[in-house]
Amino acid sequence: MVVRRIIAVLMLVSGLVAGLLPAWAAPRTFPATAQRGTMVATVYPQVQIDGKTMMLSPGAKIFSRQNTIVMHSTLLNNALVVKYTIDTQGYIKEVWILTDEELAVAQQ
């Protein structure tokens, strides 16, 4: 009786994990308004994109290659190819650091 319950639980868990795997591997999608550039984080809240100094909005989010949020200070003085969006005030609202796969797709 206990063995059957253990087997049932294991089957349920394996089914859930198998269902989630495609979601983890799904490619990121970017808004149609996203632009591409090379970003260097400088003095907060400033960044340089393609040599032009721009400001991050107060609620700006920077997404790593793993799609986790990273802090501006962890990127200081590193040139990174990114996609980014600009809000209605001209501030950078969202930044995605591109993965090697996303770079390859964009260059085709």
PDB file of N, CA and C in Angstrom:
ATOM      1  N   MET A   1       0.822  -1.181   0.000  1.00  0.00           N
ATOM      2  CA  MET A   1       0.000   0.000   0.000  1.00  0.00           C
ATOM      3  C   MET A   1       0.877   1.261   0.000  1.00  0.00           C
ATOM      4  N   VAL A   2       1.884   1.296   0.876  1.00  0.00           N
ATOM      5  CA  VAL A   2       2.787   2.440   0.966  1.00  0.00           C
ATOM      6  C   VAL A   2       3.605   2.571  -0.315  1.00  0.00           C
ATOM      7  N   VAL A   3       4.011   1.442  -0.869  1.00  0.00           N
ATOM      8  CA  VAL A   3       4.805   1.455  -2.106  1.00  0.00           C
ATOM      9  C   VAL A   3       3.988   2.060  -3.239  1.00  0.00           C
ATOM     10  N   ARG A   4       2.729   1.742  -3.321  1.00  0.00           N
ATOM     11  CA  ARG A   4       1.867   2.304  -4.373  1.00  0.00           C
ATOM     12  C   ARG A   4       1.755   3.817  -4.230  1.00  0.00           C
ATOM     13  N   ARG A   5       1.631   4.293  -3.015  1.00  0.00           N
ATOM     14  CA  ARG A   5       1.540   5.739  -2.795  1.00  0.00           C
ATOM     15  C   ARG A   5       2.852   6.426  -3.185  1.00  0.00           C
ATOM     16  N   ILE A   6       3.953   5.817  -2.841  1.00  0.00           N
ATOM     17  CA  ILE A   6       5.252   6.388  -3.203  1.00  0.00           C
ATOM     18  C   ILE A   6       5.402   6.444  -4.717  1.00  0.00           C
ATOM     19  N   ILE A   7       5.019   5.376  -5.386  1.00  0.00           N
ATOM     20  CA  ILE A   7       5.090   5.339  -6.849  1.00  0.00           C
ATOM     21  C   ILE A   7       4.178   6.398  -7.446  1.00  0.00           C
ATOM     22  N   ALA A   8       2.979   6.547  -6.907  1.00  0.00           N
ATOM     23  CA  ALA A   8       2.042   7.556  -7.412  1.00  0.00           C
ATOM     24  C   ALA A   8       2.604   8.965  -7.233  1.00  0.00           C
ATOM     25  N   VAL A   9       3.198   9.232  -6.091  1.00  0.00           N
ATOM     26  CA  VAL A   9       3.791  10.551  -5.841  1.00  0.00           C
ATOM     27  C   VAL A   9       4.962  10.790  -6.786  1.00  0.00           C
ATOM     28  N   LEU A  10       5.814   9.790  -6.984  1.00  0.00           N
ATOM     29  CA  LEU A  10       6.946   9.937  -7.894  1.00  0.00           C
ATOM     30  C   LEU A  10       6.484  10.188  -9.326  1.00  0.00           C
ATOM     31  N   MET A  11       5.437   9.524  -9.748  1.00  0.00           N
ATOM     32  CA  MET A  11       4.907   9.731 -11.094  1.00  0.00           C
ATOM     33  C   MET A  11       4.343  11.143 -11.229  1.00  0.00           C
ATOM     34  N   LEU A  12       3.659  11.607 -10.204  1.00  0.00           N
ATOM     35  CA  LEU A  12       3.094  12.950 -10.224  1.00  0.00           C
ATOM     36  C   LEU A  12       4.209  13.995 -10.303  1.00  0.00           C
ATOM     37  N   VAL A  13       5.216  13.844  -9.484  1.00  0.00           N
ATOM     38  CA  VAL A  13       6.337  14.788  -9.476  1.00  0.00           C
ATOM     39  C   VAL A  13       7.075  14.758 -10.809  1.00  0.00           C
ATOM     40  N   SER A  14       7.331  13.587 -11.348  1.00  0.00           N
ATOM     41  CA  SER A  14       8.041  13.513 -12.631  1.00  0.00           C
ATOM     42  C   SER A  14       7.209  14.132 -13.752  1.00  0.00           C
ATOM     43  N   GLY A  15       5.892  13.971 -13.696  1.00  0.00           N
ATOM     44  CA  GLY A  15       5.024  14.597 -14.687  1.00  0.00           C
ATOM     45  C   GLY A  15       5.057  16.116 -14.592  1.00  0.00           C
ATOM     46  N   LEU A  16       5.064  16.626 -13.377  1.00  0.00           N
ATOM     47  CA  LEU A  16       5.140  18.075 -13.193  1.00  0.00           C
ATOM     48  C   LEU A  16       6.466  18.628 -13.683  1.00  0.00           C
ATOM     49  N   VAL A  17       7.551  17.957 -13.364  1.00  0.00           N
ATOM     50  CA  VAL A  17       8.875  18.407 -13.805  1.00  0.00           C
ATOM     51  C   VAL A  17       8.964  18.363 -15.325  1.00  0.00           C
ATOM     52  N   ALA A  18       8.476  17.314 -15.921  1.00  0.00           N
ATOM     53  CA  ALA A  18       8.520  17.201 -17.385  1.00  0.00           C
ATOM     54  C   ALA A  18       7.689  18.300 -18.037  1.00  0.00           C
ATOM     55  N   GLY A  19       6.598  18.676 -17.414  1.00  0.00           N
ATOM     56  CA  GLY A  19       5.761  19.751 -17.942  1.00  0.00           C
ATOM     57  C   GLY A  19       6.416  21.114 -17.827  1.00  0.00           C
ATOM     58  N   LEU A  20       7.268  21.300 -16.835  1.00  0.00           N
ATOM     59  CA  LEU A  20       7.921  22.586 -16.636  1.00  0.00           C
ATOM     60  C   LEU A  20       9.196  22.758 -17.452  1.00  0.00           C
ATOM     61  N   LEU A  21       9.826  21.679 -17.870  1.00  0.00           N
ATOM     62  CA  LEU A  21      11.086  21.782 -18.600  1.00  0.00           C
ATOM     63  C   LEU A  21      10.999  22.660 -19.843  1.00  0.00           C
ATOM     64  N   PRO A  22       9.964  22.523 -20.676  1.00  0.00           N
ATOM     65  CA  PRO A  22       9.896  23.395 -21.849  1.00  0.00           C
ATOM     66  C   PRO A  22       9.794  24.875 -21.471  1.00  0.00           C
ATOM     67  N   ALA A  23       9.152  25.188 -20.360  1.00  0.00           N
ATOM     68  CA  ALA A  23       9.037  26.582 -19.938  1.00  0.00           C
ATOM     69  C   ALA A  23      10.407  27.143 -19.563  1.00  0.00           C
ATOM     70  N   TRP A  24      11.251  26.339 -18.937  1.00  0.00           N
ATOM     71  CA  TRP A  24      12.579  26.802 -18.570  1.00  0.00           C
ATOM     72  C   TRP A  24      13.437  27.033 -19.806  1.00  0.00           C
ATOM     73  N   ALA A  25      13.227  26.254 -20.830  1.00  0.00           N
ATOM     74  CA  ALA A  25      14.056  26.341 -22.027  1.00  0.00           C
ATOM     75  C   ALA A  25      13.486  27.295 -23.070  1.00  0.00           C
ATOM     76  N   ALA A  26      12.347  27.901 -22.788  1.00  0.00           N
ATOM     77  CA  ALA A  26      11.701  28.776 -23.764  1.00  0.00           C
ATOM     78  C   ALA A  26      12.558  30.012 -24.018  1.00  0.00           C
ATOM     79  N   PRO A  27      12.667  30.405 -25.279  1.00  0.00           N
ATOM     80  CA  PRO A  27      13.442  31.611 -25.574  1.00  0.00           C
ATOM     81  C   PRO A  27      12.726  32.853 -25.052  1.00  0.00           C
ATOM     82  N   ARG A  28      13.506  33.853 -24.715  1.00  0.00           N
ATOM     83  CA  ARG A  28      12.903  35.107 -24.250  1.00  0.00           C
ATOM     84  C   ARG A  28      12.332  35.856 -25.441  1.00  0.00           C
ATOM     85  N   THR A  29      11.262  36.550 -25.192  1.00  0.00           N
ATOM     86  CA  THR A  29      10.695  37.428 -26.216  1.00  0.00           C
ATOM     87  C   THR A  29      10.876  38.861 -25.754  1.00  0.00           C
ATOM     88  N   PHE A  30      11.119  39.736 -26.692  1.00  0.00           N
ATOM     89  CA  PHE A  30      11.354  41.137 -26.388  1.00  0.00           C
ATOM     90  C   PHE A  30      10.228  41.970 -26.993  1.00  0.00           C
ATOM     91  N   PRO A  31       9.904  43.097 -26.363  1.00  0.00           N
ATOM     92  CA  PRO A  31       8.878  43.967 -26.939  1.00  0.00           C
ATOM     93  C   PRO A  31       9.286  44.443 -28.333  1.00  0.00           C
ATOM     94  N   ALA A  32       8.308  44.747 -29.160  1.00  0.00           N
ATOM     95  CA  ALA A  32       8.592  45.225 -30.513  1.00  0.00           C
ATOM     96  C   ALA A  32       9.370  46.538 -30.489  1.00  0.00           C
ATOM     97  N   THR A  33       9.239  47.294 -29.412  1.00  0.00           N
ATOM     98  CA  THR A  33       9.937  48.580 -29.302  1.00  0.00           C
ATOM     99  C   THR A  33      11.362  48.451 -28.782  1.00  0.00           C
ATOM    100  N   ALA A  34      11.785  47.235 -28.439  1.00  0.00           N
ATOM    101  CA  ALA A  34      13.133  47.044 -27.883  1.00  0.00           C
ATOM    102  C   ALA A  34      14.187  47.369 -28.937  1.00  0.00           C
ATOM    103  N   GLN A  35      15.195  48.085 -28.492  1.00  0.00           N
ATOM    104  CA  GLN A  35      16.318  48.443 -29.352  1.00  0.00           C
ATOM    105  C   GLN A  35      17.538  47.642 -28.916  1.00  0.00           C
ATOM    106  N   ARG A  36      18.504  47.553 -29.802  1.00  0.00           N
ATOM    107  CA  ARG A  36      19.727  46.808 -29.500  1.00  0.00           C
ATOM    108  C   ARG A  36      20.899  47.766 -29.426  1.00  0.00           C
ATOM    109  N   GLY A  37      21.815  47.500 -28.501  1.00  0.00           N
ATOM    110  CA  GLY A  37      22.993  48.340 -28.385  1.00  0.00           C
ATOM    111  C   GLY A  37      24.022  47.712 -27.465  1.00  0.00           C
ATOM    112  N   THR A  38      25.162  48.367 -27.358  1.00  0.00           N
ATOM    113  CA  THR A  38      26.203  47.929 -26.435  1.00  0.00           C
ATOM    114  C   THR A  38      26.180  48.873 -25.241  1.00  0.00           C
ATOM    115  N   MET A  39      25.938  48.307 -24.059  1.00  0.00           N
ATOM    116  CA  MET A  39      25.770  49.099 -22.844  1.00  0.00           C
ATOM    117  C   MET A  39      26.974  48.951 -21.926  1.00  0.00           C
ATOM    118  N   VAL A  40      27.362  50.077 -21.334  1.00  0.00           N
ATOM    119  CA  VAL A  40      28.375  50.101 -20.281  1.00  0.00           C
ATOM    120  C   VAL A  40      27.755  50.825 -19.097  1.00  0.00           C
ATOM    121  N   ALA A  41      27.677  50.161 -17.951  1.00  0.00           N
ATOM    122  CA  ALA A  41      27.156  50.798 -16.742  1.00  0.00           C
ATOM    123  C   ALA A  41      28.231  51.711 -16.173  1.00  0.00           C
ATOM    124  N   THR A  42      27.846  52.958 -15.884  1.00  0.00           N
ATOM    125  CA  THR A  42      28.784  53.919 -15.310  1.00  0.00           C
ATOM    126  C   THR A  42      28.244  54.344 -13.947  1.00  0.00           C
ATOM    127  N   VAL A  43      28.311  55.599 -13.618  1.00  0.00           N
ATOM    128  CA  VAL A  43      27.833  56.100 -12.329  1.00  0.00           C
ATOM    129  C   VAL A  43      26.303  56.014 -12.296  1.00  0.00           C
ATOM    130  N   TYR A  44      25.765  55.337 -11.266  1.00  0.00           N
ATOM    131  CA  TYR A  44      24.312  55.166 -11.168  1.00  0.00           C
ATOM    132  C   TYR A  44      23.624  56.520 -11.105  1.00  0.00           C
ATOM    133  N   PRO A  45      22.552  56.723 -11.838  1.00  0.00           N
ATOM    134  CA  PRO A  45      21.779  55.829 -12.687  1.00  0.00           C
ATOM    135  C   PRO A  45      22.137  55.925 -14.164  1.00  0.00           C
ATOM    136  N   GLN A  46      23.352  56.314 -14.457  1.00  0.00           N
ATOM    137  CA  GLN A  46      23.752  56.490 -15.845  1.00  0.00           C
ATOM    138  C   GLN A  46      24.312  55.206 -16.450  1.00  0.00           C
ATOM    139  N   VAL A  47      24.043  55.052 -17.740  1.00  0.00           N
ATOM    140  CA  VAL A  47      24.674  54.008 -18.550  1.00  0.00           C
ATOM    141  C   VAL A  47      25.037  54.650 -19.878  1.00  0.00           C
ATOM    142  N   GLN A  48      25.974  54.052 -20.565  1.00  0.00           N
ATOM    143  CA  GLN A  48      26.277  54.486 -21.916  1.00  0.00           C
ATOM    144  C   GLN A  48      25.838  53.388 -22.865  1.00  0.00           C
ATOM    145  N   ILE A  49      25.044  53.775 -23.844  1.00  0.00           N
ATOM    146  CA  ILE A  49      24.625  52.816 -24.870  1.00  0.00           C
ATOM    147  C   ILE A  49      25.125  53.352 -26.204  1.00  0.00           C
ATOM    148  N   ASP A  50      25.971  52.564 -26.829  1.00  0.00           N
ATOM    149  CA  ASP A  50      26.608  52.952 -28.087  1.00  0.00           C
ATOM    150  C   ASP A  50      27.266  54.326 -27.970  1.00  0.00           C
ATOM    151  N   GLY A  51      27.897  54.583 -26.812  1.00  0.00           N
ATOM    152  CA  GLY A  51      28.622  55.827 -26.592  1.00  0.00           C
ATOM    153  C   GLY A  51      27.773  56.999 -26.125  1.00  0.00           C
ATOM    154  N   LYS A  52      26.470  56.847 -26.084  1.00  0.00           N
ATOM    155  CA  LYS A  52      25.572  57.927 -25.673  1.00  0.00           C
ATOM    156  C   LYS A  52      25.180  57.732 -24.209  1.00  0.00           C
ATOM    157  N   THR A  53      25.355  58.757 -23.379  1.00  0.00           N
ATOM    158  CA  THR A  53      24.984  58.664 -21.964  1.00  0.00           C
ATOM    159  C   THR A  53      23.477  58.761 -21.828  1.00  0.00           C
ATOM    160  N   MET A  54      22.901  57.788 -21.115  1.00  0.00           N
ATOM    161  CA  MET A  54      21.454  57.725 -20.892  1.00  0.00           C
ATOM    162  C   MET A  54      21.214  57.437 -19.417  1.00  0.00           C
ATOM    163  N   MET A  55      19.987  57.638 -18.976  1.00  0.00           N
ATOM    164  CA  MET A  55      19.631  57.435 -17.571  1.00  0.00           C
ATOM    165  C   MET A  55      18.657  56.273 -17.446  1.00  0.00           C
ATOM    166  N   LEU A  56      18.838  55.483 -16.387  1.00  0.00           N
ATOM    167  CA  LEU A  56      17.872  54.447 -16.051  1.00  0.00           C
ATOM    168  C   LEU A  56      16.689  55.104 -15.351  1.00  0.00           C
ATOM    169  N   SER A  57      15.487  54.611 -15.617  1.00  0.00           N
ATOM    170  CA  SER A  57      14.314  55.117 -14.902  1.00  0.00           C
ATOM    171  C   SER A  57      14.377  54.647 -13.450  1.00  0.00           C
ATOM    172  N   PRO A  58      13.642  55.296 -12.538  1.00  0.00           N
ATOM    173  CA  PRO A  58      13.680  54.874 -11.133  1.00  0.00           C
ATOM    174  C   PRO A  58      13.319  53.403 -10.921  1.00  0.00           C
ATOM    175  N   GLY A  59      12.443  52.847 -11.727  1.00  0.00           N
ATOM    176  CA  GLY A  59      12.044  51.446 -11.569  1.00  0.00           C
ATOM    177  C   GLY A  59      12.641  50.523 -12.615  1.00  0.00           C
ATOM    178  N   ALA A  60      13.751  50.915 -13.202  1.00  0.00           N
ATOM    179  CA  ALA A  60      14.351  50.126 -14.286  1.00  0.00           C
ATOM    180  C   ALA A  60      14.738  48.732 -13.809  1.00  0.00           C
ATOM    181  N   LYS A  61      14.585  47.770 -14.714  1.00  0.00           N
ATOM    182  CA  LYS A  61      14.974  46.388 -14.435  1.00  0.00           C
ATOM    183  C   LYS A  61      16.022  45.972 -15.451  1.00  0.00           C
ATOM    184  N   ILE A  62      17.082  45.358 -14.935  1.00  0.00           N
ATOM    185  CA  ILE A  62      18.137  44.819 -15.798  1.00  0.00           C
ATOM    186  C   ILE A  62      18.118  43.312 -15.625  1.00  0.00           C
ATOM    187  N   PHE A  63      17.882  42.597 -16.732  1.00  0.00           N
ATOM    188  CA  PHE A  63      17.792  41.142 -16.705  1.00  0.00           C
ATOM    189  C   PHE A  63      19.101  40.530 -17.193  1.00  0.00           C
ATOM    190  N   SER A  64      19.615  39.571 -16.433  1.00  0.00           N
ATOM    191  CA  SER A  64      20.850  38.874 -16.792  1.00  0.00           C
ATOM    192  C   SER A  64      20.605  37.901 -17.938  1.00  0.00           C
ATOM    193  N   ARG A  65      21.652  37.210 -18.343  1.00  0.00           N
ATOM    194  CA  ARG A  65      21.521  36.174 -19.373  1.00  0.00           C
ATOM    195  C   ARG A  65      20.631  35.022 -18.901  1.00  0.00           C
ATOM    196  N   GLN A  66      20.557  34.841 -17.588  1.00  0.00           N
ATOM    197  CA  GLN A  66      19.707  33.791 -17.008  1.00  0.00           C
ATOM    198  C   GLN A  66      18.308  34.311 -16.707  1.00  0.00           C
ATOM    199  N   ASN A  67      18.024  35.551 -17.105  1.00  0.00           N
ATOM    200  CA  ASN A  67      16.729  36.191 -16.939  1.00  0.00           C
ATOM    201  C   ASN A  67      16.409  36.501 -15.479  1.00  0.00           C
ATOM    202  N   THR A  68      17.431  36.683 -14.662  1.00  0.00           N
ATOM    203  CA  THR A  68      17.242  37.145 -13.298  1.00  0.00           C
ATOM    204  C   THR A  68      17.592  38.636 -13.256  1.00  0.00           C
ATOM    205  N   ILE A  69      17.042  39.333 -12.287  1.00  0.00           N
ATOM    206  CA  ILE A  69      17.313  40.761 -12.177  1.00  0.00           C
ATOM    207  C   ILE A  69      18.678  40.965 -11.528  1.00  0.00           C
ATOM    208  N   VAL A  70      19.476  41.839 -12.133  1.00  0.00           N
ATOM    209  CA  VAL A  70      20.801  42.160 -11.596  1.00  0.00           C
ATOM    210  C   VAL A  70      20.863  43.646 -11.282  1.00  0.00           C
ATOM    211  N   MET A  71      21.750  43.990 -10.385  1.00  0.00           N
ATOM    212  CA  MET A  71      21.926  45.379  -9.978  1.00  0.00           C
ATOM    213  C   MET A  71      22.916  46.081 -10.907  1.00  0.00           C
ATOM    214  N   HIS A  72      22.669  47.350 -11.120  1.00  0.00           N
ATOM    215  CA  HIS A  72      23.517  48.197 -11.951  1.00  0.00           C
ATOM    216  C   HIS A  72      24.982  48.099 -11.526  1.00  0.00           C
ATOM    217  N   SER A  73      25.220  48.109 -10.220  1.00  0.00           N
ATOM    218  CA  SER A  73      26.590  48.135  -9.694  1.00  0.00           C
ATOM    219  C   SER A  73      27.389  46.882 -10.033  1.00  0.00           C
ATOM    220  N   THR A  74      26.723  45.770 -10.322  1.00  0.00           N
ATOM    221  CA  THR A  74      27.452  44.544 -10.658  1.00  0.00           C
ATOM    222  C   THR A  74      27.957  44.550 -12.104  1.00  0.00           C
ATOM    223  N   LEU A  75      27.532  45.540 -12.876  1.00  0.00           N
ATOM    224  CA  LEU A  75      27.884  45.594 -14.297  1.00  0.00           C
ATOM    225  C   LEU A  75      28.868  46.707 -14.629  1.00  0.00           C
ATOM    226  N   LEU A  76      29.362  47.411 -13.629  1.00  0.00           N
ATOM    227  CA  LEU A  76      30.201  48.585 -13.865  1.00  0.00           C
ATOM    228  C   LEU A  76      31.346  48.305 -14.829  1.00  0.00           C
ATOM    229  N   ASN A  77      31.470  49.192 -15.812  1.00  0.00           N
ATOM    230  CA  ASN A  77      32.587  49.216 -16.772  1.00  0.00           C
ATOM    231  C   ASN A  77      32.709  47.962 -17.628  1.00  0.00           C
ATOM    232  N   ASN A  78      31.639  47.198 -17.776  1.00  0.00           N
ATOM    233  CA  ASN A  78      31.631  46.034 -18.666  1.00  0.00           C
ATOM    234  C   ASN A  78      30.783  46.354 -19.884  1.00  0.00           C
ATOM    235  N   ALA A  79      31.309  46.148 -21.067  1.00  0.00           N
ATOM    236  CA  ALA A  79      30.551  46.362 -22.297  1.00  0.00           C
ATOM    237  C   ALA A  79      29.720  45.114 -22.571  1.00  0.00           C
ATOM    238  N   LEU A  80      28.410  45.283 -22.626  1.00  0.00           N
ATOM    239  CA  LEU A  80      27.488  44.163 -22.820  1.00  0.00           C
ATOM    240  C   LEU A  80      26.522  44.488 -23.953  1.00  0.00           C
ATOM    241  N   VAL A  81      26.286  43.516 -24.824  1.00  0.00           N
ATOM    242  CA  VAL A  81      25.291  43.704 -25.874  1.00  0.00           C
ATOM    243  C   VAL A  81      23.926  43.432 -25.259  1.00  0.00           C
ATOM    244  N   VAL A  82      23.016  44.389 -25.423  1.00  0.00           N
ATOM    245  CA  VAL A  82      21.718  44.328 -24.757  1.00  0.00           C
ATOM    246  C   VAL A  82      20.581  44.694 -25.702  1.00  0.00           C
ATOM    247  N   LYS A  83      19.394  44.354 -25.274  1.00  0.00           N
ATOM    248  CA  LYS A  83      18.160  44.909 -25.828  1.00  0.00           C
ATOM    249  C   LYS A  83      17.609  45.783 -24.720  1.00  0.00           C
ATOM    250  N   TYR A  84      16.993  46.901 -25.059  1.00  0.00           N
ATOM    251  CA  TYR A  84      16.477  47.801 -24.034  1.00  0.00           C
ATOM    252  C   TYR A  84      15.248  48.535 -24.552  1.00  0.00           C
ATOM    253  N   THR A  85      14.427  49.003 -23.604  1.00  0.00           N
ATOM    254  CA  THR A  85      13.257  49.811 -23.949  1.00  0.00           C
ATOM    255  C   THR A  85      13.374  51.157 -23.251  1.00  0.00           C
ATOM    256  N   ILE A  86      12.757  52.155 -23.842  1.00  0.00           N
ATOM    257  CA  ILE A  86      12.773  53.517 -23.316  1.00  0.00           C
ATOM    258  C   ILE A  86      11.347  53.916 -22.966  1.00  0.00           C
ATOM    259  N   ASP A  87      11.170  54.554 -21.794  1.00  0.00           N
ATOM    260  CA  ASP A  87       9.832  54.985 -21.395  1.00  0.00           C
ATOM    261  C   ASP A  87       9.475  56.320 -22.055  1.00  0.00           C
ATOM    262  N   THR A  88       8.304  56.843 -21.736  1.00  0.00           N
ATOM    263  CA  THR A  88       7.822  58.072 -22.377  1.00  0.00           C
ATOM    264  C   THR A  88       8.634  59.309 -21.987  1.00  0.00           C
ATOM    265  N   GLN A  89       9.392  59.236 -20.908  1.00  0.00           N
ATOM    266  CA  GLN A  89      10.220  60.354 -20.469  1.00  0.00           C
ATOM    267  C   GLN A  89      11.632  60.308 -21.061  1.00  0.00           C
ATOM    268  N   GLY A  90      11.930  59.243 -21.786  1.00  0.00           N
ATOM    269  CA  GLY A  90      13.252  59.100 -22.387  1.00  0.00           C
ATOM    270  C   GLY A  90      14.247  58.333 -21.531  1.00  0.00           C
ATOM    271  N   TYR A  91      13.768  57.762 -20.411  1.00  0.00           N
ATOM    272  CA  TYR A  91      14.633  56.957 -19.547  1.00  0.00           C
ATOM    273  C   TYR A  91      14.590  55.495 -19.969  1.00  0.00           C
ATOM    274  N   ILE A  92      15.654  54.776 -19.681  1.00  0.00           N
ATOM    275  CA  ILE A  92      15.687  53.347 -19.984  1.00  0.00           C
ATOM    276  C   ILE A  92      14.860  52.613 -18.945  1.00  0.00           C
ATOM    277  N   LYS A  93      13.912  51.845 -19.428  1.00  0.00           N
ATOM    278  CA  LYS A  93      12.949  51.166 -18.554  1.00  0.00           C
ATOM    279  C   LYS A  93      13.329  49.726 -18.272  1.00  0.00           C
ATOM    280  N   GLU A  94      13.751  48.989 -19.303  1.00  0.00           N
ATOM    281  CA  GLU A  94      14.122  47.572 -19.176  1.00  0.00           C
ATOM    282  C   GLU A  94      15.361  47.305 -20.022  1.00  0.00           C
ATOM    283  N   VAL A  95      16.203  46.416 -19.500  1.00  0.00           N
ATOM    284  CA  VAL A  95      17.423  46.011 -20.212  1.00  0.00           C
ATOM    285  C   VAL A  95      17.533  44.497 -20.119  1.00  0.00           C
ATOM    286  N   TRP A  96      17.828  43.857 -21.237  1.00  0.00           N
ATOM    287  CA  TRP A  96      18.081  42.413 -21.264  1.00  0.00           C
ATOM    288  C   TRP A  96      19.487  42.203 -21.799  1.00  0.00           C
ATOM    289  N   ILE A  97      20.346  41.587 -20.997  1.00  0.00           N
ATOM    290  CA  ILE A  97      21.688  41.222 -21.473  1.00  0.00           C
ATOM    291  C   ILE A  97      21.516  39.999 -22.359  1.00  0.00           C
ATOM    292  N   LEU A  98      21.979  40.079 -23.593  1.00  0.00           N
ATOM    293  CA  LEU A  98      21.731  39.009 -24.563  1.00  0.00           C
ATOM    294  C   LEU A  98      22.645  37.813 -24.343  1.00  0.00           C
ATOM    295  N   THR A  99      22.069  36.633 -24.525  1.00  0.00           N
ATOM    296  CA  THR A  99      22.832  35.387 -24.457  1.00  0.00           C
ATOM    297  C   THR A  99      23.537  35.170 -25.798  1.00  0.00           C
ATOM    298  N   ASP A 100      24.437  34.211 -25.846  1.00  0.00           N
ATOM    299  CA  ASP A 100      25.123  33.887 -27.106  1.00  0.00           C
ATOM    300  C   ASP A 100      24.118  33.455 -28.172  1.00  0.00           C
ATOM    301  N   GLU A 101      23.109  32.691 -27.773  1.00  0.00           N
ATOM    302  CA  GLU A 101      22.092  32.234 -28.719  1.00  0.00           C
ATOM    303  C   GLU A 101      21.289  33.419 -29.278  1.00  0.00           C
ATOM    304  N   GLU A 102      20.936  34.368 -28.409  1.00  0.00           N
ATOM    305  CA  GLU A 102      20.181  35.537 -28.860  1.00  0.00           C
ATOM    306  C   GLU A 102      21.034  36.415 -29.761  1.00  0.00           C
ATOM    307  N   LEU A 103      22.317  36.502 -29.470  1.00  0.00           N
ATOM    308  CA  LEU A 103      23.222  37.251 -30.346  1.00  0.00           C
ATOM    309  C   LEU A 103      23.307  36.609 -31.723  1.00  0.00           C
ATOM    310  N   ALA A 104      23.395  35.274 -31.764  1.00  0.00           N
ATOM    311  CA  ALA A 104      23.493  34.550 -33.044  1.00  0.00           C
ATOM    312  C   ALA A 104      22.230  34.741 -33.874  1.00  0.00           C
ATOM    313  N   VAL A 105      21.075  34.698 -33.230  1.00  0.00           N
ATOM    314  CA  VAL A 105      19.810  34.871 -33.951  1.00  0.00           C
ATOM    315  C   VAL A 105      19.714  36.290 -34.505  1.00  0.00           C
ATOM    316  N   ALA A 106      20.108  37.259 -33.728  1.00  0.00           N
ATOM    317  CA  ALA A 106      20.019  38.654 -34.139  1.00  0.00           C
ATOM    318  C   ALA A 106      20.971  38.971 -35.282  1.00  0.00           C
ATOM    319  N   GLN A 107      22.087  38.243 -35.401  1.00  0.00           N
ATOM    320  CA  GLN A 107      23.070  38.532 -36.442  1.00  0.00           C
ATOM    321  C   GLN A 107      22.729  37.864 -37.763  1.00  0.00           C
ATOM    322  N   GLN A 108      21.770  36.963 -37.787  1.00  0.00           N
ATOM    323  CA  GLN A 108      21.427  36.261 -39.029  1.00  0.00           C
ATOM    324  C   GLN A 108      20.670  37.143 -39.980  1.00  0.00           C
TER     325      GLN A 108
END
